[in-house]
Amino acid sequence: EKAGRDEGQRRSNHVIETFRAPDCCFLMPSVDEALTDDTPIDISHESLLRGWIRLTGTGTSEGWIAEEDRNGRIWRNLLEAAENGSTLSGNVARDRQRWWQQTRPTAAWAARYGNRFDAIDTYVRNSAQRAFRQRFVVAGAIALALMTSIGALLYWSYETVQRTAEKAEQSKLTREHNELTNLYRENRKELDLA
C-alpha cells in the first residue's frame, strides 16, 4: 500500500513540476520554490488570463479587461469634463452618445469610476443634443450660403442675358436708323435733282 501511495505521489509531483516549469507557469508556487507535502498548489492568475481569450482578447479583438479599462477612462473623462463645465465638440459628443448606447452603463458600474451616474447621463444627452443643434445650424448656414450663391449666379445670368438682348436690340435699331438715314439722303438727292 505504501508503494502505491509513493507511486501516486511520484506521478502527482511529476505532473505538478511539469505545469510549474518556467516555460509553462500554470501552477504556483513557481519552480524556484521547493515543494513539501504541506505546500498548497494553486493555479496562477497569469495562466488564467493567457487562456481566457474573452477576458484578454486576441491580436485583432479587445478583451473584457481592455474594454473595461477603456470604458473606465471614458467615464472618468466625462466626469471631469462635466465637473469642469466643459463643452464636448460635436464629434466627441456623438461618439460619447454612441458609446453610452452601446455600453449601457449602470449606476452600480459608474460607482467604480467616480459615480455621478445621473449627472453624466444628463451631460451626455445634453451634449449630444447641443451637437445636433450645432450641426443643424451649420447645415442651415451652408444651405443658406449655397442658395444665396445660386441666387446671385441666376441674377448675374439674367442680367447678362438682358444686357446682351439690349445690345442686340440697340444694334438692330442703329442699323435700321442708318438704313433709313441713307434712304432719306438718297431720296433727298433725287428730289433735289428733279
N, C-alpha and C. Protein backbone atom coordinates (compact mmCIF):
# COMPACT_ATOMS: atom_id res chain seq x y z
N GLU A 1 0.83 -1.18 0.00
CA GLU A 1 0.00 0.00 0.00
C GLU A 1 0.88 1.26 0.00
N LYS A 2 1.95 1.28 0.78
CA LYS A 2 2.87 2.42 0.80
C LYS A 2 3.52 2.61 -0.55
N ALA A 3 3.83 1.52 -1.25
CA ALA A 3 4.46 1.61 -2.57
C ALA A 3 3.49 2.26 -3.56
N GLY A 4 2.22 1.92 -3.47
CA GLY A 4 1.21 2.52 -4.34
C GLY A 4 1.05 4.00 -4.05
N ARG A 5 1.10 4.36 -2.77
CA ARG A 5 0.99 5.76 -2.39
C ARG A 5 2.21 6.53 -2.88
N ASP A 6 3.36 5.94 -2.76
CA ASP A 6 4.60 6.58 -3.23
C ASP A 6 4.57 6.76 -4.75
N GLU A 7 4.05 5.75 -5.45
CA GLU A 7 3.95 5.85 -6.91
C GLU A 7 2.97 6.97 -7.29
N GLY A 8 1.85 7.05 -6.60
CA GLY A 8 0.87 8.12 -6.85
C GLY A 8 1.47 9.48 -6.55
N GLN A 9 2.23 9.59 -5.46
CA GLN A 9 2.89 10.84 -5.09
C GLN A 9 3.92 11.23 -6.16
N ARG A 10 4.68 10.22 -6.65
CA ARG A 10 5.68 10.49 -7.68
C ARG A 10 5.00 11.00 -8.96
N ARG A 11 3.92 10.38 -9.35
CA ARG A 11 3.19 10.82 -10.56
C ARG A 11 2.62 12.22 -10.36
N SER A 12 2.02 12.48 -9.22
CA SER A 12 1.47 13.82 -8.92
C SER A 12 2.57 14.86 -8.97
N ASN A 13 3.69 14.56 -8.34
CA ASN A 13 4.82 15.51 -8.35
C ASN A 13 5.29 15.76 -9.78
N HIS A 14 5.34 14.71 -10.61
CA HIS A 14 5.78 14.88 -12.00
C HIS A 14 4.83 15.83 -12.75
N VAL A 15 3.52 15.62 -12.57
CA VAL A 15 2.53 16.49 -13.23
C VAL A 15 2.66 17.92 -12.71
N ILE A 16 2.77 18.08 -11.39
CA ILE A 16 2.90 19.42 -10.79
C ILE A 16 4.16 20.11 -11.31
N GLU A 17 5.28 19.42 -11.30
CA GLU A 17 6.54 20.01 -11.78
C GLU A 17 6.46 20.40 -13.25
N THR A 18 5.77 19.58 -14.03
CA THR A 18 5.62 19.90 -15.46
C THR A 18 4.83 21.19 -15.65
N PHE A 19 3.76 21.37 -14.88
CA PHE A 19 2.91 22.56 -15.05
C PHE A 19 3.41 23.79 -14.30
N ARG A 20 4.45 23.67 -13.50
CA ARG A 20 5.04 24.86 -12.88
C ARG A 20 6.41 25.16 -13.45
N ALA A 21 6.79 24.47 -14.52
CA ALA A 21 8.07 24.72 -15.19
C ALA A 21 8.10 26.14 -15.75
N PRO A 22 9.28 26.73 -15.90
CA PRO A 22 9.38 28.13 -16.37
C PRO A 22 8.70 28.39 -17.73
N ASP A 23 8.65 27.40 -18.61
CA ASP A 23 8.02 27.62 -19.91
C ASP A 23 6.52 27.42 -19.87
N CYS A 24 5.97 27.04 -18.70
CA CYS A 24 4.53 26.82 -18.59
C CYS A 24 3.91 27.76 -17.55
N CYS A 25 4.41 27.74 -16.33
CA CYS A 25 3.95 28.63 -15.23
C CYS A 25 2.44 28.56 -15.00
N PHE A 26 1.88 27.36 -15.11
CA PHE A 26 0.44 27.23 -14.92
C PHE A 26 0.09 27.08 -13.44
N LEU A 27 0.97 26.44 -12.69
CA LEU A 27 0.71 26.21 -11.27
C LEU A 27 1.67 27.01 -10.41
N MET A 28 1.20 27.32 -9.21
CA MET A 28 2.00 28.05 -8.22
C MET A 28 2.18 27.13 -7.02
N PRO A 29 3.24 27.22 -6.29
CA PRO A 29 4.32 28.20 -6.37
C PRO A 29 5.22 27.93 -7.57
N SER A 30 6.06 28.92 -7.86
CA SER A 30 6.94 28.80 -9.02
C SER A 30 7.97 27.71 -8.79
N VAL A 31 8.66 27.35 -9.86
CA VAL A 31 9.64 26.27 -9.81
C VAL A 31 10.80 26.61 -8.88
N ASP A 32 11.00 27.87 -8.57
CA ASP A 32 12.09 28.29 -7.68
C ASP A 32 11.85 27.83 -6.23
N GLU A 33 10.61 27.60 -5.88
CA GLU A 33 10.27 27.24 -4.50
C GLU A 33 10.15 25.72 -4.37
N ALA A 34 10.81 25.17 -3.39
CA ALA A 34 10.77 23.71 -3.17
C ALA A 34 9.40 23.31 -2.65
N LEU A 35 8.95 22.13 -3.07
CA LEU A 35 7.65 21.62 -2.64
C LEU A 35 7.82 20.69 -1.44
N THR A 36 6.88 20.80 -0.53
CA THR A 36 6.79 19.86 0.60
C THR A 36 5.41 19.24 0.55
N ASP A 37 5.17 18.28 1.45
CA ASP A 37 3.85 17.65 1.49
C ASP A 37 2.77 18.66 1.89
N ASP A 38 3.14 19.75 2.55
CA ASP A 38 2.17 20.75 3.01
C ASP A 38 2.04 21.96 2.09
N THR A 39 2.80 22.00 0.99
CA THR A 39 2.77 23.16 0.09
C THR A 39 1.44 23.19 -0.67
N PRO A 40 0.69 24.30 -0.56
CA PRO A 40 -0.56 24.39 -1.35
C PRO A 40 -0.23 24.63 -2.82
N ILE A 41 -0.92 23.95 -3.70
CA ILE A 41 -0.75 24.11 -5.15
C ILE A 41 -1.94 24.92 -5.64
N ASP A 42 -1.64 25.98 -6.40
CA ASP A 42 -2.69 26.87 -6.88
C ASP A 42 -2.48 27.15 -8.36
N ILE A 43 -3.55 27.55 -9.04
CA ILE A 43 -3.46 27.94 -10.45
C ILE A 43 -3.04 29.41 -10.49
N SER A 44 -2.04 29.74 -11.31
CA SER A 44 -1.58 31.12 -11.39
C SER A 44 -2.57 31.96 -12.19
N HIS A 45 -2.76 33.23 -11.76
CA HIS A 45 -3.71 34.09 -12.47
C HIS A 45 -3.21 34.42 -13.88
N GLU A 46 -1.90 34.45 -14.09
CA GLU A 46 -1.38 34.70 -15.43
C GLU A 46 -1.82 33.60 -16.40
N SER A 47 -1.82 32.37 -15.92
CA SER A 47 -2.22 31.28 -16.80
C SER A 47 -3.70 31.37 -17.14
N LEU A 48 -4.50 31.81 -16.17
CA LEU A 48 -5.93 32.00 -16.46
C LEU A 48 -6.13 33.09 -17.50
N LEU A 49 -5.39 34.19 -17.33
CA LEU A 49 -5.54 35.29 -18.27
C LEU A 49 -5.08 34.90 -19.67
N ARG A 50 -3.97 34.17 -19.75
CA ARG A 50 -3.48 33.73 -21.06
C ARG A 50 -4.48 32.81 -21.75
N GLY A 51 -5.15 31.99 -20.98
CA GLY A 51 -6.04 31.01 -21.55
C GLY A 51 -7.45 31.49 -21.79
N TRP A 52 -7.83 32.61 -21.25
CA TRP A 52 -9.20 33.08 -21.36
C TRP A 52 -9.27 34.23 -22.36
N ILE A 53 -9.52 33.90 -23.60
CA ILE A 53 -9.48 34.88 -24.69
C ILE A 53 -10.54 35.96 -24.51
N ARG A 54 -11.71 35.63 -24.00
CA ARG A 54 -12.75 36.64 -23.82
C ARG A 54 -12.30 37.70 -22.81
N LEU A 55 -11.47 37.29 -21.88
CA LEU A 55 -11.00 38.22 -20.86
C LEU A 55 -9.87 39.09 -21.37
N THR A 56 -8.92 38.48 -22.08
CA THR A 56 -7.74 39.22 -22.52
C THR A 56 -7.80 39.67 -23.96
N GLY A 57 -8.65 39.06 -24.77
CA GLY A 57 -8.75 39.44 -26.18
C GLY A 57 -7.73 38.69 -27.01
N THR A 58 -7.73 38.99 -28.29
CA THR A 58 -6.77 38.40 -29.22
C THR A 58 -6.03 39.53 -29.90
N GLY A 59 -5.19 39.18 -30.85
CA GLY A 59 -4.47 40.22 -31.57
C GLY A 59 -5.38 41.17 -32.33
N THR A 60 -6.58 40.70 -32.71
CA THR A 60 -7.47 41.52 -33.52
C THR A 60 -8.68 42.05 -32.74
N SER A 61 -8.91 41.50 -31.53
CA SER A 61 -10.08 41.97 -30.79
C SER A 61 -9.70 42.30 -29.36
N GLU A 62 -10.45 43.21 -28.80
CA GLU A 62 -10.23 43.68 -27.45
C GLU A 62 -10.95 42.75 -26.47
N GLY A 63 -10.30 42.37 -25.39
CA GLY A 63 -10.93 41.53 -24.38
C GLY A 63 -11.63 42.37 -23.33
N TRP A 64 -12.25 41.69 -22.37
CA TRP A 64 -13.00 42.38 -21.33
C TRP A 64 -12.13 43.31 -20.49
N ILE A 65 -10.90 42.92 -20.23
CA ILE A 65 -10.01 43.75 -19.41
C ILE A 65 -9.74 45.08 -20.11
N ALA A 66 -9.34 45.02 -21.37
CA ALA A 66 -9.05 46.25 -22.12
C ALA A 66 -10.32 47.07 -22.32
N GLU A 67 -11.43 46.40 -22.57
CA GLU A 67 -12.71 47.11 -22.75
C GLU A 67 -13.11 47.82 -21.47
N GLU A 68 -12.97 47.14 -20.35
CA GLU A 68 -13.32 47.76 -19.06
C GLU A 68 -12.40 48.94 -18.76
N ASP A 69 -11.13 48.79 -19.07
CA ASP A 69 -10.18 49.89 -18.86
C ASP A 69 -10.55 51.09 -19.73
N ARG A 70 -10.85 50.84 -21.01
CA ARG A 70 -11.23 51.92 -21.92
C ARG A 70 -12.52 52.59 -21.45
N ASN A 71 -13.52 51.79 -21.08
CA ASN A 71 -14.79 52.36 -20.62
C ASN A 71 -14.61 53.17 -19.34
N GLY A 72 -13.76 52.67 -18.44
CA GLY A 72 -13.48 53.42 -17.21
C GLY A 72 -12.82 54.76 -17.50
N ARG A 73 -11.87 54.78 -18.44
CA ARG A 73 -11.21 56.04 -18.81
C ARG A 73 -12.21 57.01 -19.44
N ILE A 74 -13.09 56.49 -20.31
CA ILE A 74 -14.12 57.35 -20.92
C ILE A 74 -15.00 57.95 -19.84
N TRP A 75 -15.42 57.13 -18.88
CA TRP A 75 -16.28 57.61 -17.79
C TRP A 75 -15.58 58.71 -16.99
N ARG A 76 -14.32 58.46 -16.62
CA ARG A 76 -13.59 59.46 -15.83
C ARG A 76 -13.40 60.75 -16.62
N ASN A 77 -13.17 60.64 -17.93
CA ASN A 77 -13.05 61.84 -18.77
C ASN A 77 -14.37 62.60 -18.83
N LEU A 78 -15.48 61.86 -18.95
CA LEU A 78 -16.80 62.52 -18.95
C LEU A 78 -17.06 63.18 -17.61
N LEU A 79 -16.70 62.50 -16.54
CA LEU A 79 -16.88 63.04 -15.19
C LEU A 79 -16.09 64.34 -15.03
N GLU A 80 -14.84 64.32 -15.46
CA GLU A 80 -14.00 65.52 -15.35
C GLU A 80 -14.55 66.65 -16.22
N ALA A 81 -14.96 66.33 -17.44
CA ALA A 81 -15.50 67.36 -18.34
C ALA A 81 -16.77 67.97 -17.76
N ALA A 82 -17.64 67.13 -17.21
CA ALA A 82 -18.89 67.64 -16.61
C ALA A 82 -18.59 68.51 -15.40
N GLU A 83 -17.66 68.08 -14.56
CA GLU A 83 -17.32 68.86 -13.35
C GLU A 83 -16.69 70.20 -13.71
N ASN A 84 -15.93 70.24 -14.81
CA ASN A 84 -15.28 71.48 -15.23
C ASN A 84 -16.18 72.36 -16.09
N GLY A 85 -17.36 71.87 -16.40
CA GLY A 85 -18.28 72.64 -17.25
C GLY A 85 -17.83 72.72 -18.69
N SER A 86 -17.02 71.76 -19.12
CA SER A 86 -16.53 71.74 -20.50
C SER A 86 -17.65 71.39 -21.46
N THR A 87 -17.50 71.87 -22.68
CA THR A 87 -18.44 71.55 -23.74
C THR A 87 -17.77 70.57 -24.68
N LEU A 88 -18.42 69.47 -24.93
CA LEU A 88 -17.88 68.48 -25.86
C LEU A 88 -18.07 68.96 -27.29
N SER A 89 -17.07 68.75 -28.12
CA SER A 89 -17.22 69.10 -29.54
C SER A 89 -18.27 68.19 -30.15
N GLY A 90 -18.76 68.56 -31.32
CA GLY A 90 -19.81 67.79 -31.97
C GLY A 90 -19.46 66.33 -32.18
N ASN A 91 -18.25 66.08 -32.71
CA ASN A 91 -17.84 64.69 -32.97
C ASN A 91 -17.70 63.90 -31.68
N VAL A 92 -17.09 64.51 -30.67
CA VAL A 92 -16.90 63.81 -29.39
C VAL A 92 -18.26 63.55 -28.74
N ALA A 93 -19.16 64.50 -28.80
CA ALA A 93 -20.50 64.33 -28.21
C ALA A 93 -21.24 63.17 -28.88
N ARG A 94 -21.16 63.09 -30.21
CA ARG A 94 -21.80 61.98 -30.92
C ARG A 94 -21.14 60.65 -30.58
N ASP A 95 -19.79 60.66 -30.48
CA ASP A 95 -19.08 59.43 -30.10
C ASP A 95 -19.48 58.97 -28.69
N ARG A 96 -19.59 59.91 -27.77
CA ARG A 96 -19.94 59.56 -26.39
C ARG A 96 -21.39 59.08 -26.29
N GLN A 97 -22.27 59.65 -27.08
CA GLN A 97 -23.66 59.18 -27.08
C GLN A 97 -23.71 57.75 -27.64
N ARG A 98 -22.96 57.50 -28.71
CA ARG A 98 -22.89 56.16 -29.29
C ARG A 98 -22.30 55.19 -28.26
N TRP A 99 -21.22 55.61 -27.57
CA TRP A 99 -20.61 54.79 -26.53
C TRP A 99 -21.63 54.46 -25.44
N TRP A 100 -22.38 55.47 -25.02
CA TRP A 100 -23.38 55.28 -23.96
C TRP A 100 -24.43 54.23 -24.39
N GLN A 101 -24.89 54.35 -25.63
CA GLN A 101 -25.92 53.44 -26.13
C GLN A 101 -25.38 52.01 -26.28
N GLN A 102 -24.12 51.88 -26.66
CA GLN A 102 -23.54 50.54 -26.84
C GLN A 102 -23.14 49.92 -25.51
N THR A 103 -22.56 50.71 -24.62
CA THR A 103 -22.05 50.20 -23.35
C THR A 103 -23.15 50.02 -22.32
N ARG A 104 -24.11 50.93 -22.34
CA ARG A 104 -25.23 50.92 -21.39
C ARG A 104 -24.75 50.86 -19.94
N PRO A 105 -24.00 51.87 -19.52
CA PRO A 105 -23.50 51.85 -18.14
C PRO A 105 -24.66 51.92 -17.15
N THR A 106 -24.42 51.38 -15.96
CA THR A 106 -25.42 51.41 -14.90
C THR A 106 -24.86 52.22 -13.74
N ALA A 107 -25.73 52.58 -12.82
CA ALA A 107 -25.29 53.34 -11.64
C ALA A 107 -24.30 52.51 -10.83
N ALA A 108 -24.52 51.20 -10.71
CA ALA A 108 -23.60 50.34 -9.96
C ALA A 108 -22.23 50.32 -10.62
N TRP A 109 -22.20 50.23 -11.95
CA TRP A 109 -20.92 50.25 -12.67
C TRP A 109 -20.23 51.59 -12.48
N ALA A 110 -20.99 52.67 -12.61
CA ALA A 110 -20.43 54.02 -12.51
C ALA A 110 -19.82 54.28 -11.14
N ALA A 111 -20.33 53.62 -10.10
CA ALA A 111 -19.80 53.82 -8.74
C ALA A 111 -18.32 53.44 -8.66
N ARG A 112 -17.87 52.52 -9.51
CA ARG A 112 -16.45 52.13 -9.51
C ARG A 112 -15.54 53.20 -10.09
N TYR A 113 -16.11 54.12 -10.86
CA TYR A 113 -15.29 55.09 -11.60
C TYR A 113 -15.60 56.54 -11.25
N GLY A 114 -16.14 56.78 -10.08
CA GLY A 114 -16.38 58.16 -9.66
C GLY A 114 -17.84 58.51 -9.52
N ASN A 115 -18.73 57.56 -9.85
CA ASN A 115 -20.16 57.71 -9.64
C ASN A 115 -20.77 58.85 -10.46
N ARG A 116 -21.73 59.58 -9.87
CA ARG A 116 -22.46 60.69 -10.52
C ARG A 116 -23.16 60.22 -11.81
N PHE A 117 -23.78 59.06 -11.74
CA PHE A 117 -24.42 58.45 -12.90
C PHE A 117 -25.45 59.38 -13.54
N ASP A 118 -26.38 59.90 -12.74
CA ASP A 118 -27.44 60.75 -13.30
C ASP A 118 -26.87 62.01 -13.94
N ALA A 119 -25.86 62.61 -13.30
CA ALA A 119 -25.27 63.83 -13.84
C ALA A 119 -24.57 63.55 -15.18
N ILE A 120 -23.87 62.43 -15.28
CA ILE A 120 -23.16 62.11 -16.53
C ILE A 120 -24.16 61.71 -17.62
N ASP A 121 -25.22 61.01 -17.23
CA ASP A 121 -26.27 60.67 -18.19
C ASP A 121 -26.84 61.94 -18.80
N THR A 122 -27.17 62.91 -17.97
CA THR A 122 -27.70 64.19 -18.43
C THR A 122 -26.67 64.93 -19.28
N TYR A 123 -25.41 64.92 -18.83
CA TYR A 123 -24.34 65.60 -19.56
C TYR A 123 -24.18 65.02 -20.97
N VAL A 124 -24.20 63.71 -21.09
CA VAL A 124 -24.04 63.07 -22.40
C VAL A 124 -25.24 63.40 -23.30
N ARG A 125 -26.46 63.30 -22.74
CA ARG A 125 -27.65 63.62 -23.55
C ARG A 125 -27.65 65.07 -23.99
N ASN A 126 -27.36 66.00 -23.06
CA ASN A 126 -27.34 67.42 -23.40
C ASN A 126 -26.27 67.73 -24.43
N SER A 127 -25.10 67.11 -24.28
CA SER A 127 -24.01 67.33 -25.24
C SER A 127 -24.40 66.84 -26.63
N ALA A 128 -25.05 65.70 -26.69
CA ALA A 128 -25.47 65.16 -27.99
C ALA A 128 -26.53 66.06 -28.62
N GLN A 129 -27.47 66.57 -27.81
CA GLN A 129 -28.49 67.47 -28.34
C GLN A 129 -27.87 68.78 -28.83
N ARG A 130 -26.91 69.30 -28.06
CA ARG A 130 -26.23 70.54 -28.46
C ARG A 130 -25.47 70.30 -29.77
N ALA A 131 -24.82 69.15 -29.89
CA ALA A 131 -24.09 68.82 -31.12
C ALA A 131 -25.05 68.72 -32.31
N PHE A 132 -26.23 68.13 -32.07
CA PHE A 132 -27.22 68.03 -33.14
C PHE A 132 -27.67 69.42 -33.57
N ARG A 133 -27.96 70.29 -32.58
CA ARG A 133 -28.38 71.67 -32.93
C ARG A 133 -27.28 72.40 -33.68
N GLN A 134 -26.03 72.25 -33.23
CA GLN A 134 -24.93 72.92 -33.91
C GLN A 134 -24.80 72.40 -35.34
N ARG A 135 -24.94 71.11 -35.50
CA ARG A 135 -24.86 70.52 -36.83
C ARG A 135 -25.99 71.04 -37.71
N PHE A 136 -27.18 71.17 -37.13
CA PHE A 136 -28.34 71.69 -37.85
C PHE A 136 -28.09 73.14 -38.26
N VAL A 137 -27.54 73.95 -37.34
CA VAL A 137 -27.26 75.36 -37.65
C VAL A 137 -26.21 75.47 -38.75
N VAL A 138 -25.16 74.65 -38.65
CA VAL A 138 -24.12 74.68 -39.67
C VAL A 138 -24.69 74.25 -41.02
N ALA A 139 -25.50 73.19 -41.01
CA ALA A 139 -26.11 72.74 -42.27
C ALA A 139 -27.03 73.82 -42.84
N GLY A 140 -27.77 74.51 -41.96
CA GLY A 140 -28.64 75.60 -42.40
C GLY A 140 -27.84 76.75 -42.99
N ALA A 141 -26.72 77.08 -42.33
CA ALA A 141 -25.87 78.17 -42.84
C ALA A 141 -25.27 77.81 -44.19
N ILE A 142 -24.85 76.57 -44.32
CA ILE A 142 -24.31 76.12 -45.61
C ILE A 142 -25.39 76.15 -46.69
N ALA A 143 -26.59 75.69 -46.33
CA ALA A 143 -27.70 75.71 -47.30
C ALA A 143 -28.04 77.15 -47.69
N LEU A 144 -28.06 78.06 -46.71
CA LEU A 144 -28.35 79.47 -46.99
C LEU A 144 -27.27 80.07 -47.89
N ALA A 145 -26.00 79.78 -47.59
CA ALA A 145 -24.91 80.30 -48.41
C ALA A 145 -25.00 79.74 -49.83
N LEU A 146 -25.35 78.47 -49.94
CA LEU A 146 -25.48 77.84 -51.25
C LEU A 146 -26.64 78.46 -52.03
N MET A 147 -27.78 78.66 -51.36
CA MET A 147 -28.94 79.27 -52.04
C MET A 147 -28.63 80.71 -52.44
N THR A 148 -27.92 81.44 -51.57
CA THR A 148 -27.55 82.82 -51.89
C THR A 148 -26.62 82.84 -53.10
N SER A 149 -25.67 81.93 -53.13
CA SER A 149 -24.74 81.85 -54.27
C SER A 149 -25.49 81.51 -55.56
N ILE A 150 -26.38 80.56 -55.47
CA ILE A 150 -27.17 80.18 -56.66
C ILE A 150 -28.04 81.35 -57.10
N GLY A 151 -28.65 82.03 -56.13
CA GLY A 151 -29.48 83.20 -56.45
C GLY A 151 -28.65 84.29 -57.13
N ALA A 152 -27.45 84.56 -56.60
CA ALA A 152 -26.58 85.57 -57.20
C ALA A 152 -26.16 85.15 -58.61
N LEU A 153 -25.86 83.88 -58.78
CA LEU A 153 -25.48 83.38 -60.10
C LEU A 153 -26.63 83.50 -61.09
N LEU A 154 -27.84 83.16 -60.64
CA LEU A 154 -29.01 83.29 -61.51
C LEU A 154 -29.27 84.75 -61.86
N TYR A 155 -29.14 85.67 -60.88
CA TYR A 155 -29.33 87.09 -61.14
C TYR A 155 -28.29 87.59 -62.14
N TRP A 156 -27.03 87.20 -61.93
CA TRP A 156 -25.96 87.62 -62.85
C TRP A 156 -26.24 87.10 -64.25
N SER A 157 -26.68 85.82 -64.34
CA SER A 157 -27.00 85.25 -65.65
C SER A 157 -28.15 86.01 -66.31
N TYR A 158 -29.19 86.33 -65.53
CA TYR A 158 -30.33 87.08 -66.06
C TYR A 158 -29.88 88.45 -66.55
N GLU A 159 -29.07 89.14 -65.73
CA GLU A 159 -28.59 90.46 -66.12
C GLU A 159 -27.74 90.39 -67.39
N THR A 160 -26.91 89.35 -67.49
CA THR A 160 -26.06 89.19 -68.68
C THR A 160 -26.92 88.96 -69.91
N VAL A 161 -27.93 88.13 -69.79
CA VAL A 161 -28.85 87.87 -70.92
C VAL A 161 -29.58 89.16 -71.30
N GLN A 162 -30.05 89.91 -70.28
CA GLN A 162 -30.76 91.17 -70.55
C GLN A 162 -29.85 92.17 -71.26
N ARG A 163 -28.61 92.32 -70.78
CA ARG A 163 -27.68 93.26 -71.41
C ARG A 163 -27.37 92.85 -72.84
N THR A 164 -27.20 91.54 -73.04
CA THR A 164 -26.93 91.05 -74.39
C THR A 164 -28.13 91.32 -75.30
N ALA A 165 -29.34 91.12 -74.79
CA ALA A 165 -30.55 91.38 -75.58
C ALA A 165 -30.69 92.87 -75.87
N GLU A 166 -30.39 93.70 -74.86
CA GLU A 166 -30.47 95.16 -75.08
C GLU A 166 -29.45 95.62 -76.12
N LYS A 167 -28.24 95.08 -76.07
CA LYS A 167 -27.21 95.44 -77.04
C LYS A 167 -27.63 94.99 -78.44
N ALA A 168 -28.21 93.81 -78.52
CA ALA A 168 -28.67 93.31 -79.83
C ALA A 168 -29.78 94.21 -80.35
N GLU A 169 -30.71 94.59 -79.48
CA GLU A 169 -31.81 95.48 -79.89
C GLU A 169 -31.26 96.84 -80.31
N GLN A 170 -30.28 97.35 -79.54
CA GLN A 170 -29.68 98.65 -79.86
C GLN A 170 -28.97 98.58 -81.21
N SER A 171 -28.24 97.46 -81.44
CA SER A 171 -27.55 97.29 -82.73
C SER A 171 -28.56 97.25 -83.87
N LYS A 172 -29.67 96.56 -83.67
CA LYS A 172 -30.71 96.46 -84.70
C LYS A 172 -31.31 97.83 -84.99
N LEU A 173 -31.61 98.58 -83.91
CA LEU A 173 -32.18 99.92 -84.10
C LEU A 173 -31.19 100.85 -84.81
N THR A 174 -29.91 100.74 -84.42
CA THR A 174 -28.88 101.58 -85.06
C THR A 174 -28.78 101.24 -86.53
N ARG A 175 -28.80 99.97 -86.86
CA ARG A 175 -28.74 99.54 -88.26
C ARG A 175 -29.95 100.07 -89.03
N GLU A 176 -31.16 99.92 -88.45
CA GLU A 176 -32.37 100.40 -89.12
C GLU A 176 -32.32 101.92 -89.28
N HIS A 177 -31.83 102.62 -88.25
CA HIS A 177 -31.71 104.08 -88.33
C HIS A 177 -30.77 104.47 -89.47
N ASN A 178 -29.63 103.77 -89.51
CA ASN A 178 -28.65 104.08 -90.57
C ASN A 178 -29.24 103.79 -91.95
N GLU A 179 -29.98 102.72 -92.09
CA GLU A 179 -30.59 102.39 -93.37
C GLU A 179 -31.62 103.45 -93.76
N LEU A 180 -32.45 103.86 -92.77
CA LEU A 180 -33.45 104.89 -93.06
C LEU A 180 -32.79 106.23 -93.40
N THR A 181 -31.71 106.53 -92.67
CA THR A 181 -30.99 107.78 -92.95
C THR A 181 -30.42 107.75 -94.36
N ASN A 182 -29.82 106.66 -94.74
CA ASN A 182 -29.26 106.53 -96.10
C ASN A 182 -30.37 106.60 -97.15
N LEU A 183 -31.49 105.97 -96.87
CA LEU A 183 -32.62 106.01 -97.80
C LEU A 183 -33.14 107.45 -97.92
N TYR A 184 -33.24 108.14 -96.80
CA TYR A 184 -33.69 109.53 -96.81
C TYR A 184 -32.73 110.37 -97.63
N ARG A 185 -31.45 110.22 -97.48
CA ARG A 185 -30.46 111.01 -98.22
C ARG A 185 -30.57 110.74 -99.72
N GLU A 186 -30.74 109.45 -100.02
CA GLU A 186 -30.85 109.12 -101.44
C GLU A 186 -32.11 109.76 -102.05
N ASN A 187 -33.22 109.67 -101.31
CA ASN A 187 -34.46 110.27 -101.80
C ASN A 187 -34.33 111.79 -101.90
N ARG A 188 -33.66 112.37 -100.98
CA ARG A 188 -33.47 113.82 -100.97
C ARG A 188 -32.64 114.25 -102.16
N LYS A 189 -31.61 113.47 -102.51
CA LYS A 189 -30.78 113.78 -103.67
C LYS A 189 -31.62 113.70 -104.93
N GLU A 190 -32.44 112.71 -105.01
CA GLU A 190 -33.28 112.54 -106.18
C GLU A 190 -34.26 113.69 -106.30
N LEU A 191 -34.78 114.17 -105.20
CA LEU A 191 -35.71 115.29 -105.25
C LEU A 191 -34.97 116.59 -105.61
N ASP A 192 -33.78 116.72 -105.14
CA ASP A 192 -33.01 117.93 -105.43
C ASP A 192 -32.62 117.96 -106.91
N LEU A 193 -32.41 116.83 -107.52
CA LEU A 193 -32.05 116.75 -108.91
C LEU A 193 -33.27 116.96 -109.82
N ALA A 194 -34.39 116.68 -109.35
CA ALA A 194 -35.55 116.78 -110.19
C ALA A 194 -36.14 118.12 -110.22
